[in-house]
PDB file of N, CA and C in Angstrom:
ATOM      1  N   UNK A   1    -182.132   8.286 150.521  1.00  0.00           N
ATOM      2  CA  UNK A   1    -183.453   8.362 149.894  1.00  0.00           C
ATOM      3  C   UNK A   1    -183.487   9.603 149.002  1.00  0.00           C
ATOM      4  N   UNK A   2    -183.979   9.429 147.786  1.00  0.00           N
ATOM      5  CA  UNK A   2    -184.021  10.537 146.832  1.00  0.00           C
ATOM      6  C   UNK A   2    -185.122  11.533 147.201  1.00  0.00           C
ATOM      7  N   UNK A   3    -185.009  12.719 146.624  1.00  0.00           N
ATOM      8  CA  UNK A   3    -186.045  13.739 146.836  1.00  0.00           C
ATOM      9  C   UNK A   3    -187.395  13.247 146.325  1.00  0.00           C
ATOM     10  N   UNK A   4    -187.391  12.554 145.174  1.00  0.00           N
ATOM     11  CA  UNK A   4    -188.641  12.009 144.648  1.00  0.00           C
ATOM     12  C   UNK A   4    -189.241  11.009 145.626  1.00  0.00           C
ATOM     13  N   UNK A   5    -188.426  10.114 146.169  1.00  0.00           N
ATOM     14  CA  UNK A   5    -188.921   9.100 147.118  1.00  0.00           C
ATOM     15  C   UNK A   5    -189.572   9.753 148.329  1.00  0.00           C
ATOM     16  N   UNK A   6    -188.949  10.796 148.835  1.00  0.00           N
ATOM     17  CA  UNK A   6    -189.520  11.504 149.981  1.00  0.00           C
ATOM     18  C   UNK A   6    -190.843  12.166 149.598  1.00  0.00           C
ATOM     19  N   UNK A   7    -190.856  12.827 148.457  1.00  0.00           N
ATOM     20  CA  UNK A   7    -192.057  13.531 147.988  1.00  0.00           C
ATOM     21  C   UNK A   7    -193.198  12.549 147.742  1.00  0.00           C
ATOM     22  N   UNK A   8    -192.917  11.453 147.061  1.00  0.00           N
ATOM     23  CA  UNK A   8    -193.976  10.502 146.737  1.00  0.00           C
ATOM     24  C   UNK A   8    -194.427   9.752 147.987  1.00  0.00           C
ATOM     25  N   UNK A   9    -193.553   9.566 148.952  1.00  0.00           N
ATOM     26  CA  UNK A   9    -193.954   8.947 150.214  1.00  0.00           C
ATOM     27  C   UNK A   9    -195.021   9.762 150.922  1.00  0.00           C
ATOM     28  N   UNK A  10    -194.867  11.075 150.920  1.00  0.00           N
ATOM     29  CA  UNK A  10    -195.868  11.975 151.510  1.00  0.00           C
ATOM     30  C   UNK A  10    -197.195  11.840 150.759  1.00  0.00           C
ATOM     31  N   UNK A  11    -197.127  11.787 149.433  1.00  0.00           N
ATOM     32  CA  UNK A  11    -198.333  11.677 148.606  1.00  0.00           C
ATOM     33  C   UNK A  11    -199.046  10.353 148.887  1.00  0.00           C
ATOM     34  N   UNK A  12    -198.309   9.257 148.894  1.00  0.00           N
ATOM     35  CA  UNK A  12    -198.931   7.947 149.107  1.00  0.00           C
ATOM     36  C   UNK A  12    -199.495   7.818 150.519  1.00  0.00           C
ATOM     37  N   UNK A  13    -198.805   8.379 151.512  1.00  0.00           N
ATOM     38  CA  UNK A  13    -199.343   8.378 152.882  1.00  0.00           C
ATOM     39  C   UNK A  13    -200.676   9.122 152.934  1.00  0.00           C
ATOM     40  N   UNK A  14    -200.706  10.316 152.332  1.00  0.00           N
ATOM     41  CA  UNK A  14    -201.918  11.140 152.350  1.00  0.00           C
ATOM     42  C   UNK A  14    -203.048  10.453 151.594  1.00  0.00           C
ATOM     43  N   UNK A  15    -202.738   9.828 150.458  1.00  0.00           N
ATOM     44  CA  UNK A  15    -203.774   9.141 149.686  1.00  0.00           C
ATOM     45  C   UNK A  15    -204.324   7.937 150.444  1.00  0.00           C
ATOM     46  N   UNK A  16    -203.452   7.155 151.055  1.00  0.00           N
ATOM     47  CA  UNK A  16    -203.898   5.963 151.783  1.00  0.00           C
ATOM     48  C   UNK A  16    -204.888   6.353 152.876  1.00  0.00           C
ATOM     49  N   UNK A  17    -204.489   7.287 153.710  1.00  0.00           N
ATOM     50  CA  UNK A  17    -205.349   7.709 154.819  1.00  0.00           C
ATOM     51  C   UNK A  17    -206.584   8.450 154.310  1.00  0.00           C
ATOM     52  N   UNK A  18    -206.391   9.373 153.383  1.00  0.00           N
ATOM     53  CA  UNK A  18    -207.485  10.220 152.910  1.00  0.00           C
ATOM     54  C   UNK A  18    -208.561   9.454 152.173  1.00  0.00           C
ATOM     55  N   UNK A  19    -208.167   8.495 151.322  1.00  0.00           N
ATOM     56  CA  UNK A  19    -209.159   7.703 150.589  1.00  0.00           C
ATOM     57  C   UNK A  19    -209.923   6.803 151.552  1.00  0.00           C
ATOM     58  N   UNK A  20    -209.227   6.233 152.517  1.00  0.00           N
ATOM     59  CA  UNK A  20    -209.902   5.377 153.495  1.00  0.00           C
ATOM     60  C   UNK A  20    -210.956   6.165 154.277  1.00  0.00           C
ATOM     61  N   UNK A  21    -210.588   7.344 154.760  1.00  0.00           N
ATOM     62  CA  UNK A  21    -211.521   8.181 155.520  1.00  0.00           C
ATOM     63  C   UNK A  21    -212.681   8.637 154.635  1.00  0.00           C
ATOM     64  N   UNK A  22    -212.377   9.069 153.414  1.00  0.00           N
ATOM     65  CA  UNK A  22    -213.436   9.529 152.502  1.00  0.00           C
ATOM     66  C   UNK A  22    -214.399   8.392 152.163  1.00  0.00           C
ATOM     67  N   UNK A  23    -213.882   7.184 151.991  1.00  0.00           N
ATOM     68  CA  UNK A  23    -214.733   6.036 151.722  1.00  0.00           C
ATOM     69  C   UNK A  23    -215.655   5.733 152.886  1.00  0.00           C
ATOM     70  N   UNK A  24    -215.117   5.827 154.108  1.00  0.00           N
ATOM     71  CA  UNK A  24    -215.941   5.620 155.306  1.00  0.00           C
ATOM     72  C   UNK A  24    -217.015   6.698 155.403  1.00  0.00           C
ATOM     73  N   UNK A  25    -216.640   7.944 155.144  1.00  0.00           N
ATOM     74  CA  UNK A  25    -217.596   9.051 155.207  1.00  0.00           C
ATOM     75  C   UNK A  25    -218.715   8.899 154.181  1.00  0.00           C
ATOM     76  N   UNK A  26    -218.408   8.285 153.050  1.00  0.00           N
ATOM     77  CA  UNK A  26    -219.402   8.083 151.995  1.00  0.00           C
ATOM     78  C   UNK A  26    -220.157   6.761 152.180  1.00  0.00           C
ATOM     79  N   UNK A  27    -219.842   6.051 153.259  1.00  0.00           N
ATOM     80  CA  UNK A  27    -220.438   4.734 153.524  1.00  0.00           C
ATOM     81  C   UNK A  27    -220.252   3.824 152.315  1.00  0.00           C
ATOM     82  N   UNK A  28    -219.035   3.831 151.801  1.00  0.00           N
ATOM     83  CA  UNK A  28    -218.675   3.110 150.596  1.00  0.00           C
ATOM     84  C   UNK A  28    -218.014   1.789 150.982  1.00  0.00           C
ATOM     85  N   UNK A  29    -218.346   0.718 150.264  1.00  0.00           N
ATOM     86  CA  UNK A  29    -217.690  -0.567 150.470  1.00  0.00           C
ATOM     87  C   UNK A  29    -216.367  -0.528 149.703  1.00  0.00           C
ATOM     88  N   UNK A  30    -215.325  -0.055 150.375  1.00  0.00           N
ATOM     89  CA  UNK A  30    -214.028   0.170 149.753  1.00  0.00           C
ATOM     90  C   UNK A  30    -212.940  -0.286 150.701  1.00  0.00           C
ATOM     91  N   UNK A  31    -212.099  -1.184 150.231  1.00  0.00           N
ATOM     92  CA  UNK A  31    -210.965  -1.636 151.040  1.00  0.00           C
ATOM     93  C   UNK A  31    -209.702  -0.988 150.496  1.00  0.00           C
ATOM     94  N   UNK A  32    -208.961  -0.321 151.363  1.00  0.00           N
ATOM     95  CA  UNK A  32    -207.729   0.358 150.986  1.00  0.00           C
ATOM     96  C   UNK A  32    -206.571  -0.370 151.660  1.00  0.00           C
ATOM     97  N   UNK A  33    -205.629  -0.882 150.870  1.00  0.00           N
ATOM     98  CA  UNK A  33    -204.452  -1.538 151.436  1.00  0.00           C
ATOM     99  C   UNK A  33    -203.204  -0.933 150.804  1.00  0.00           C
ATOM    100  N   UNK A  34    -202.135  -0.968 151.588  1.00  0.00           N
ATOM    101  CA  UNK A  34    -200.867  -0.440 151.089  1.00  0.00           C
ATOM    102  C   UNK A  34    -199.752  -1.410 151.422  1.00  0.00           C
ATOM    103  N   UNK A  35    -198.940  -1.686 150.422  1.00  0.00           N
ATOM    104  CA  UNK A  35    -197.739  -2.490 150.588  1.00  0.00           C
ATOM    105  C   UNK A  35    -196.601  -1.727 149.933  1.00  0.00           C
ATOM    106  N   UNK A  36    -195.748  -1.135 150.747  1.00  0.00           N
ATOM    107  CA  UNK A  36    -194.662  -0.326 150.210  1.00  0.00           C
ATOM    108  C   UNK A  36    -195.196   0.877 149.462  1.00  0.00           C
ATOM    109  N   UNK A  37    -194.828   0.980 148.191  1.00  0.00           N
ATOM    110  CA  UNK A  37    -195.267   2.114 147.373  1.00  0.00           C
ATOM    111  C   UNK A  37    -196.439   1.762 146.466  1.00  0.00           C
ATOM    112  N   UNK A  38    -197.236   0.778 146.878  1.00  0.00           N
ATOM    113  CA  UNK A  38    -198.394   0.363 146.092  1.00  0.00           C
ATOM    114  C   UNK A  38    -199.648   0.426 146.968  1.00  0.00           C
ATOM    115  N   UNK A  39    -200.619   1.208 146.525  1.00  0.00           N
ATOM    116  CA  UNK A  39    -201.927   1.281 147.191  1.00  0.00           C
ATOM    117  C   UNK A  39    -202.914   0.544 146.296  1.00  0.00           C
ATOM    118  N   UNK A  40    -203.665  -0.378 146.898  1.00  0.00           N
ATOM    119  CA  UNK A  40    -204.692  -1.099 146.160  1.00  0.00           C
ATOM    120  C   UNK A  40    -206.051  -0.744 146.746  1.00  0.00           C
ATOM    121  N   UNK A  41    -206.961  -0.356 145.873  1.00  0.00           N
ATOM    122  CA  UNK A  41    -208.341  -0.080 146.263  1.00  0.00           C
ATOM    123  C   UNK A  41    -209.196  -1.202 145.708  1.00  0.00           C
ATOM    124  N   UNK A  42    -209.960  -1.859 146.587  1.00  0.00           N
ATOM    125  CA  UNK A  42    -210.858  -2.918 146.125  1.00  0.00           C
ATOM    126  C   UNK A  42    -212.279  -2.519 146.453  1.00  0.00           C
ATOM    127  N   UNK A  43    -213.153  -2.638 145.447  1.00  0.00           N
ATOM    128  CA  UNK A  43    -214.529  -2.182 145.548  1.00  0.00           C
ATOM    129  C   UNK A  43    -215.484  -3.349 145.770  1.00  0.00           C
ATOM    130  N   UNK A  44    -216.726  -3.019 146.046  1.00  0.00           N
ATOM    131  CA  UNK A  44    -217.744  -4.017 146.359  1.00  0.00           C
ATOM    132  C   UNK A  44    -217.838  -5.102 145.290  1.00  0.00           C
ATOM    133  N   UNK A  45    -217.708  -4.715 144.015  1.00  0.00           N
ATOM    134  CA  UNK A  45    -217.807  -5.687 142.920  1.00  0.00           C
ATOM    135  C   UNK A  45    -216.495  -6.435 142.667  1.00  0.00           C
ATOM    136  N   UNK A  46    -215.530  -6.241 143.542  1.00  0.00           N
ATOM    137  CA  UNK A  46    -214.201  -6.861 143.499  1.00  0.00           C
ATOM    138  C   UNK A  46    -213.282  -6.255 142.442  1.00  0.00           C
ATOM    139  N   UNK A  47    -213.733  -5.205 141.766  1.00  0.00           N
ATOM    140  CA  UNK A  47    -212.835  -4.502 140.853  1.00  0.00           C
ATOM    141  C   UNK A  47    -211.790  -3.777 141.692  1.00  0.00           C
ATOM    142  N   UNK A  48    -210.668  -3.484 141.061  1.00  0.00           N
ATOM    143  CA  UNK A  48    -209.571  -2.846 141.785  1.00  0.00           C
ATOM    144  C   UNK A  48    -209.017  -1.651 141.014  1.00  0.00           C
ATOM    145  N   UNK A  49    -208.432  -0.747 141.787  1.00  0.00           N
ATOM    146  CA  UNK A  49    -207.595   0.322 141.257  1.00  0.00           C
ATOM    147  C   UNK A  49    -206.259   0.203 141.968  1.00  0.00           C
ATOM    148  N   UNK A  50    -205.197   0.555 141.268  1.00  0.00           N
ATOM    149  CA  UNK A  50    -203.867   0.516 141.865  1.00  0.00           C
ATOM    150  C   UNK A  50    -203.206   1.875 141.664  1.00  0.00           C
ATOM    151  N   UNK A  51    -202.620   2.373 142.742  1.00  0.00           N
ATOM    152  CA  UNK A  51    -201.863   3.630 142.713  1.00  0.00           C
ATOM    153  C   UNK A  51    -200.461   3.283 143.180  1.00  0.00           C
ATOM    154  N   UNK A  52    -199.456   3.634 142.394  1.00  0.00           N
ATOM    155  CA  UNK A  52    -198.086   3.333 142.810  1.00  0.00           C
ATOM    156  C   UNK A  52    -197.108   4.371 142.277  1.00  0.00           C
ATOM    157  N   UNK A  53    -195.940   4.359 142.876  1.00  0.00           N
ATOM    158  CA  UNK A  53    -194.902   5.271 142.392  1.00  0.00           C
ATOM    159  C   UNK A  53    -193.987   4.517 141.437  1.00  0.00           C
ATOM    160  N   UNK A  54    -193.455   5.246 140.484  1.00  0.00           N
ATOM    161  CA  UNK A  54    -192.481   4.699 139.541  1.00  0.00           C
ATOM    162  C   UNK A  54    -191.288   5.632 139.561  1.00  0.00           C
ATOM    163  N   UNK A  55    -190.322   5.281 140.409  1.00  0.00           N
ATOM    164  CA  UNK A  55    -189.193   6.181 140.648  1.00  0.00           C
ATOM    165  C   UNK A  55    -188.374   6.452 139.392  1.00  0.00           C
ATOM    166  N   UNK A  56    -188.142   5.444 138.575  1.00  0.00           N
ATOM    167  CA  UNK A  56    -187.323   5.643 137.370  1.00  0.00           C
ATOM    168  C   UNK A  56    -187.927   6.701 136.451  1.00  0.00           C
ATOM    169  N   UNK A  57    -189.249   6.744 136.378  1.00  0.00           N
ATOM    170  CA  UNK A  57    -189.933   7.735 135.538  1.00  0.00           C
ATOM    171  C   UNK A  57    -190.228   9.021 136.299  1.00  0.00           C
ATOM    172  N   UNK A  58    -190.093   8.987 137.634  1.00  0.00           N
ATOM    173  CA  UNK A  58    -190.426  10.162 138.443  1.00  0.00           C
ATOM    174  C   UNK A  58    -191.912  10.452 138.433  1.00  0.00           C
ATOM    175  N   UNK A  59    -192.723   9.385 138.438  1.00  0.00           N
ATOM    176  CA  UNK A  59    -194.166   9.540 138.286  1.00  0.00           C
ATOM    177  C   UNK A  59    -194.940   8.731 139.332  1.00  0.00           C
ATOM    178  N   UNK A  60    -196.191   9.112 139.497  1.00  0.00           N
ATOM    179  CA  UNK A  60    -197.172   8.318 140.219  1.00  0.00           C
ATOM    180  C   UNK A  60    -198.097   7.747 139.164  1.00  0.00           C
ATOM    181  N   UNK A  61    -198.317   6.435 139.220  1.00  0.00           N
ATOM    182  CA  UNK A  61    -199.158   5.768 138.231  1.00  0.00           C
ATOM    183  C   UNK A  61    -200.460   5.331 138.871  1.00  0.00           C
ATOM    184  N   UNK A  62    -201.551   5.439 138.103  1.00  0.00           N
ATOM    185  CA  UNK A  62    -202.872   4.985 138.537  1.00  0.00           C
ATOM    186  C   UNK A  62    -203.407   4.057 137.448  1.00  0.00           C
ATOM    187  N   UNK A  63    -203.846   2.864 137.869  1.00  0.00           N
ATOM    188  CA  UNK A  63    -204.472   1.914 136.942  1.00  0.00           C
ATOM    189  C   UNK A  63    -205.902   1.672 137.396  1.00  0.00           C
ATOM    190  N   UNK A  64    -206.843   1.811 136.466  1.00  0.00           N
ATOM    191  CA  UNK A  64    -208.245   1.577 136.768  1.00  0.00           C
ATOM    192  C   UNK A  64    -208.896   0.894 135.570  1.00  0.00           C
ATOM    193  N   UNK A  65    -210.187   0.602 135.687  1.00  0.00           N
ATOM    194  CA  UNK A  65    -210.924  -0.025 134.582  1.00  0.00           C
ATOM    195  C   UNK A  65    -210.823   0.800 133.301  1.00  0.00           C
ATOM    196  N   UNK A  66    -210.731   2.110 133.462  1.00  0.00           N
ATOM    197  CA  UNK A  66    -210.782   2.988 132.289  1.00  0.00           C
ATOM    198  C   UNK A  66    -209.406   3.344 131.742  1.00  0.00           C
ATOM    199  N   UNK A  67    -208.366   2.744 132.307  1.00  0.00           N
ATOM    200  CA  UNK A  67    -207.054   2.996 131.726  1.00  0.00           C
ATOM    201  C   UNK A  67    -205.968   3.248 132.749  1.00  0.00           C
ATOM    202  N   UNK A  68    -204.803   3.578 132.215  1.00  0.00           N
ATOM    203  CA  UNK A  68    -203.647   3.889 133.038  1.00  0.00           C
ATOM    204  C   UNK A  68    -203.309   5.363 132.913  1.00  0.00           C
ATOM    205  N   UNK A  69    -202.860   5.946 134.010  1.00  0.00           N
ATOM    206  CA  UNK A  69    -202.576   7.375 134.058  1.00  0.00           C
ATOM    207  C   UNK A  69    -201.224   7.582 134.727  1.00  0.00           C
ATOM    208  N   UNK A  70    -200.447   8.518 134.220  1.00  0.00           N
ATOM    209  CA  UNK A  70    -199.112   8.801 134.739  1.00  0.00           C
ATOM    210  C   UNK A  70    -199.044  10.264 135.155  1.00  0.00           C
ATOM    211  N   UNK A  71    -198.695  10.506 136.405  1.00  0.00           N
ATOM    212  CA  UNK A  71    -198.678  11.859 136.965  1.00  0.00           C
ATOM    213  C   UNK A  71    -197.268  12.282 137.313  1.00  0.00           C
ATOM    214  N   UNK A  72    -196.945  13.517 136.932  1.00  0.00           N
ATOM    215  CA  UNK A  72    -195.653  14.117 137.268  1.00  0.00           C
ATOM    216  C   UNK A  72    -195.888  15.365 138.102  1.00  0.00           C
ATOM    217  N   UNK A  73    -194.947  15.657 139.006  1.00  0.00           N
ATOM    218  CA  UNK A  73    -195.104  16.881 139.795  1.00  0.00           C
ATOM    219  C   UNK A  73    -194.886  18.113 138.907  1.00  0.00           C
ATOM    220  N   UNK A  74    -195.770  19.112 139.106  1.00  0.00           N
ATOM    221  CA  UNK A  74    -195.667  20.367 138.357  1.00  0.00           C
ATOM    222  C   UNK A  74    -196.327  21.471 139.170  1.00  0.00           C
ATOM    223  N   UNK A  75    -195.559  22.463 139.557  1.00  0.00           N
ATOM    224  CA  UNK A  75    -196.090  23.622 140.286  1.00  0.00           C
ATOM    225  C   UNK A  75    -196.895  23.221 141.524  1.00  0.00           C
ATOM    226  N   UNK A  76    -196.371  22.250 142.294  1.00  0.00           N
ATOM    227  CA  UNK A  76    -197.012  21.848 143.538  1.00  0.00           C
ATOM    228  C   UNK A  76    -198.196  20.910 143.369  1.00  0.00           C
ATOM    229  N   UNK A  77    -198.447  20.433 142.152  1.00  0.00           N
ATOM    230  CA  UNK A  77    -199.536  19.493 141.889  1.00  0.00           C
ATOM    231  C   UNK A  77    -198.974  18.293 141.145  1.00  0.00           C
ATOM    232  N   UNK A  78    -199.764  17.244 141.080  1.00  0.00           N
ATOM    233  CA  UNK A  78    -199.420  16.068 140.280  1.00  0.00           C
ATOM    234  C   UNK A  78    -200.364  16.067 139.080  1.00  0.00           C
ATOM    235  N   UNK A  79    -199.788  16.169 137.873  1.00  0.00           N
ATOM    236  CA  UNK A  79    -200.567  16.364 136.652  1.00  0.00           C
ATOM    237  C   UNK A  79    -200.365  15.166 135.715  1.00  0.00           C
ATOM    238  N   UNK A  80    -201.491  14.646 135.167  1.00  0.00           N
ATOM    239  CA  UNK A  80    -201.438  13.532 134.228  1.00  0.00           C
ATOM    240  C   UNK A  80    -200.728  13.969 132.954  1.00  0.00           C
ATOM    241  N   UNK A  81    -199.797  13.148 132.505  1.00  0.00           N
ATOM    242  CA  UNK A  81    -198.974  13.499 131.349  1.00  0.00           C
ATOM    243  C   UNK A  81    -199.754  13.534 130.045  1.00  0.00           C
ATOM    244  N   UNK A  82    -200.919  12.888 129.982  1.00  0.00           N
ATOM    245  CA  UNK A  82    -201.698  12.879 128.740  1.00  0.00           C
ATOM    246  C   UNK A  82    -202.878  13.842 128.783  1.00  0.00           C
ATOM    247  N   UNK A  83    -203.668  13.750 129.843  1.00  0.00           N
ATOM    248  CA  UNK A  83    -204.906  14.548 129.883  1.00  0.00           C
ATOM    249  C   UNK A  83    -204.713  15.928 130.506  1.00  0.00           C
ATOM    250  N   UNK A  84    -203.662  16.087 131.323  1.00  0.00           N
ATOM    251  CA  UNK A  84    -203.460  17.343 132.030  1.00  0.00           C
ATOM    252  C   UNK A  84    -204.287  17.454 133.303  1.00  0.00           C
ATOM    253  N   UNK A  85    -205.017  16.379 133.672  1.00  0.00           N
ATOM    254  CA  UNK A  85    -205.836  16.401 134.900  1.00  0.00           C
ATOM    255  C   UNK A  85    -204.952  16.278 136.126  1.00  0.00           C
ATOM    256  N   UNK A  86    -205.420  16.893 137.198  1.00  0.00           N
ATOM    257  CA  UNK A  86    -204.740  16.824 138.488  1.00  0.00           C
ATOM    258  C   UNK A  86    -205.080  15.495 139.152  1.00  0.00           C
ATOM    259  N   UNK A  87    -204.141  14.946 139.919  1.00  0.00           N
ATOM    260  CA  UNK A  87    -204.272  13.623 140.528  1.00  0.00           C
ATOM    261  C   UNK A  87    -205.547  13.452 141.345  1.00  0.00           C
ATOM    262  N   UNK A  88    -205.832  14.356 142.270  1.00  0.00           N
ATOM    263  CA  UNK A  88    -207.018  14.190 143.113  1.00  0.00           C
ATOM    264  C   UNK A  88    -208.316  14.300 142.314  1.00  0.00           C
ATOM    265  N   UNK A  89    -208.330  15.147 141.303  1.00  0.00           N
ATOM    266  CA  UNK A  89    -209.523  15.262 140.458  1.00  0.00           C
ATOM    267  C   UNK A  89    -209.765  13.956 139.712  1.00  0.00           C
ATOM    268  N   UNK A  90    -208.703  13.386 139.166  1.00  0.00           N
ATOM    269  CA  UNK A  90    -208.859  12.135 138.447  1.00  0.00           C
ATOM    270  C   UNK A  90    -209.244  11.001 139.399  1.00  0.00           C
ATOM    271  N   UNK A  91    -208.629  10.930 140.576  1.00  0.00           N
ATOM    272  CA  UNK A  91    -208.984   9.883 141.534  1.00  0.00           C
ATOM    273  C   UNK A  91    -210.431  10.003 141.981  1.00  0.00           C
ATOM    274  N   UNK A  92    -210.915  11.213 142.155  1.00  0.00           N
ATOM    275  CA  UNK A  92    -212.321  11.422 142.521  1.00  0.00           C
ATOM    276  C   UNK A  92    -213.228  10.826 141.451  1.00  0.00           C
ATOM    277  N   UNK A  93    -212.926  11.087 140.187  1.00  0.00           N
ATOM    278  CA  UNK A  93    -213.715  10.544 139.078  1.00  0.00           C
ATOM    279  C   UNK A  93    -213.623   9.023 139.013  1.00  0.00           C
ATOM    280  N   UNK A  94    -212.421   8.498 139.081  1.00  0.00           N
ATOM    281  CA  UNK A  94    -212.217   7.061 138.907  1.00  0.00           C
ATOM    282  C   UNK A  94    -212.786   6.256 140.080  1.00  0.00           C
ATOM    283  N   UNK A  95    -212.584   6.716 141.299  1.00  0.00           N
ATOM    284  CA  UNK A  95    -213.144   6.006 142.456  1.00  0.00           C
ATOM    285  C   UNK A  95    -214.665   6.048 142.392  1.00  0.00           C
ATOM    286  N   UNK A  96    -215.228   7.197 142.054  1.00  0.00           N
ATOM    287  CA  UNK A  96    -216.673   7.320 141.908  1.00  0.00           C
ATOM    288  C   UNK A  96    -217.210   6.380 140.843  1.00  0.00           C
ATOM    289  N   UNK A  97    -216.488   6.259 139.738  1.00  0.00           N
ATOM    290  CA  UNK A  97    -216.886   5.351 138.669  1.00  0.00           C
ATOM    291  C   UNK A  97    -216.877   3.903 139.158  1.00  0.00           C
ATOM    292  N   UNK A  98    -215.790   3.487 139.783  1.00  0.00           N
ATOM    293  CA  UNK A  98    -215.673   2.109 140.283  1.00  0.00           C
ATOM    294  C   UNK A  98    -216.728   1.803 141.346  1.00  0.00           C
ATOM    295  N   UNK A  99    -216.958   2.742 142.242  1.00  0.00           N
ATOM    296  CA  UNK A  99    -217.869   2.512 143.372  1.00  0.00           C
ATOM    297  C   UNK A  99    -219.333   2.724 143.001  1.00  0.00           C
ATOM    298  N   UNK A 100    -219.574   3.446 141.915  1.00  0.00           N
ATOM    299  CA  UNK A 100    -220.947   3.739 141.533  1.00  0.00           C
ATOM    300  C   UNK A 100    -221.592   4.805 142.400  1.00  0.00           C
ATOM    301  N   UNK A 101    -220.764   5.585 143.073  1.00  0.00           N
ATOM    302  CA  UNK A 101    -221.261   6.677 143.906  1.00  0.00           C
ATOM    303  C   UNK A 101    -220.142   7.694 144.084  1.00  0.00           C
ATOM    304  N   UNK A 102    -220.501   8.940 144.381  1.00  0.00           N
ATOM    305  CA  UNK A 102    -219.477   9.980 144.513  1.00  0.00           C
ATOM    306  C   UNK A 102    -218.652   9.821 145.785  1.00  0.00           C
ATOM    307  N   UNK A 103    -217.451  10.362 145.724  1.00  0.00           N
ATOM    308  CA  UNK A 103    -216.558  10.419 146.884  1.00  0.00           C
ATOM    309  C   UNK A 103    -215.930  11.802 146.912  1.00  0.00           C
ATOM    310  N   UNK A 104    -215.710  12.320 148.101  1.00  0.00           N
ATOM    311  CA  UNK A 104    -215.124  13.654 148.264  1.00  0.00           C
ATOM    312  C   UNK A 104    -213.702  13.500 148.797  1.00  0.00           C
ATOM    313  N   UNK A 105    -212.724  13.803 147.962  1.00  0.00           N
ATOM    314  CA  UNK A 105    -211.315  13.714 148.346  1.00  0.00           C
ATOM    315  C   UNK A 105    -210.712  15.092 148.625  1.00  0.00           C
ATOM    316  N   UNK A 106    -211.541  16.100 148.773  1.00  0.00           N
ATOM    317  CA  UNK A 106    -211.055  17.479 148.913  1.00  0.00           C
ATOM    318  C   UNK A 106    -210.256  17.716 150.197  1.00  0.00           C
ATOM    319  N   UNK A 107    -210.383  16.838 151.186  1.00  0.00           N
ATOM    320  CA  UNK A 107    -209.649  17.021 152.443  1.00  0.00           C
ATOM    321  C   UNK A 107    -208.200  16.526 152.353  1.00  0.00           C
ATOM    322  N   UNK A 108    -207.863  15.822 151.286  1.00  0.00           N
ATOM    323  CA  UNK A 108    -206.499  15.282 151.149  1.00  0.00           C
ATOM    324  C   UNK A 108    -205.537  16.402 150.786  1.00  0.00           C
ATOM    325  N   UNK A 109    -204.456  16.456 151.538  1.00  0.00           N
ATOM    326  CA  UNK A 109    -203.387  17.467 151.296  1.00  0.00           C
ATOM    327  C   UNK A 109    -202.046  16.758 151.206  1.00  0.00           C
ATOM    328  N   UNK A 110    -201.245  17.207 150.260  1.00  0.00           N
ATOM    329  CA  UNK A 110    -199.885  16.653 150.113  1.00  0.00           C
ATOM    330  C   UNK A 110    -198.878  17.623 150.696  1.00  0.00           C
TER     331      UNK A 110
END
């Protein structure tokens, strides 16, 4: 297993558990499922977000209604290659947008 695979496995584990708990805490209608390296978030309106790893690119990808985002590790964080936003900050915005209510992902640690 590559170093990237190990690193991204930790990230996806933390996101799967952390988003599920945060959604429950926010009393949000959010279903979190994981199959391998793909996390699918399904919202009350049946819209979805997908978070997955892309080993060849060395990135974590996020797809939502508002677009696709590619994150690379940098100085202990995952940073979007276009906007420069940190992964958890962007997920907080995107999940809140999809759900129509805020979510607190600050407890998630990689």
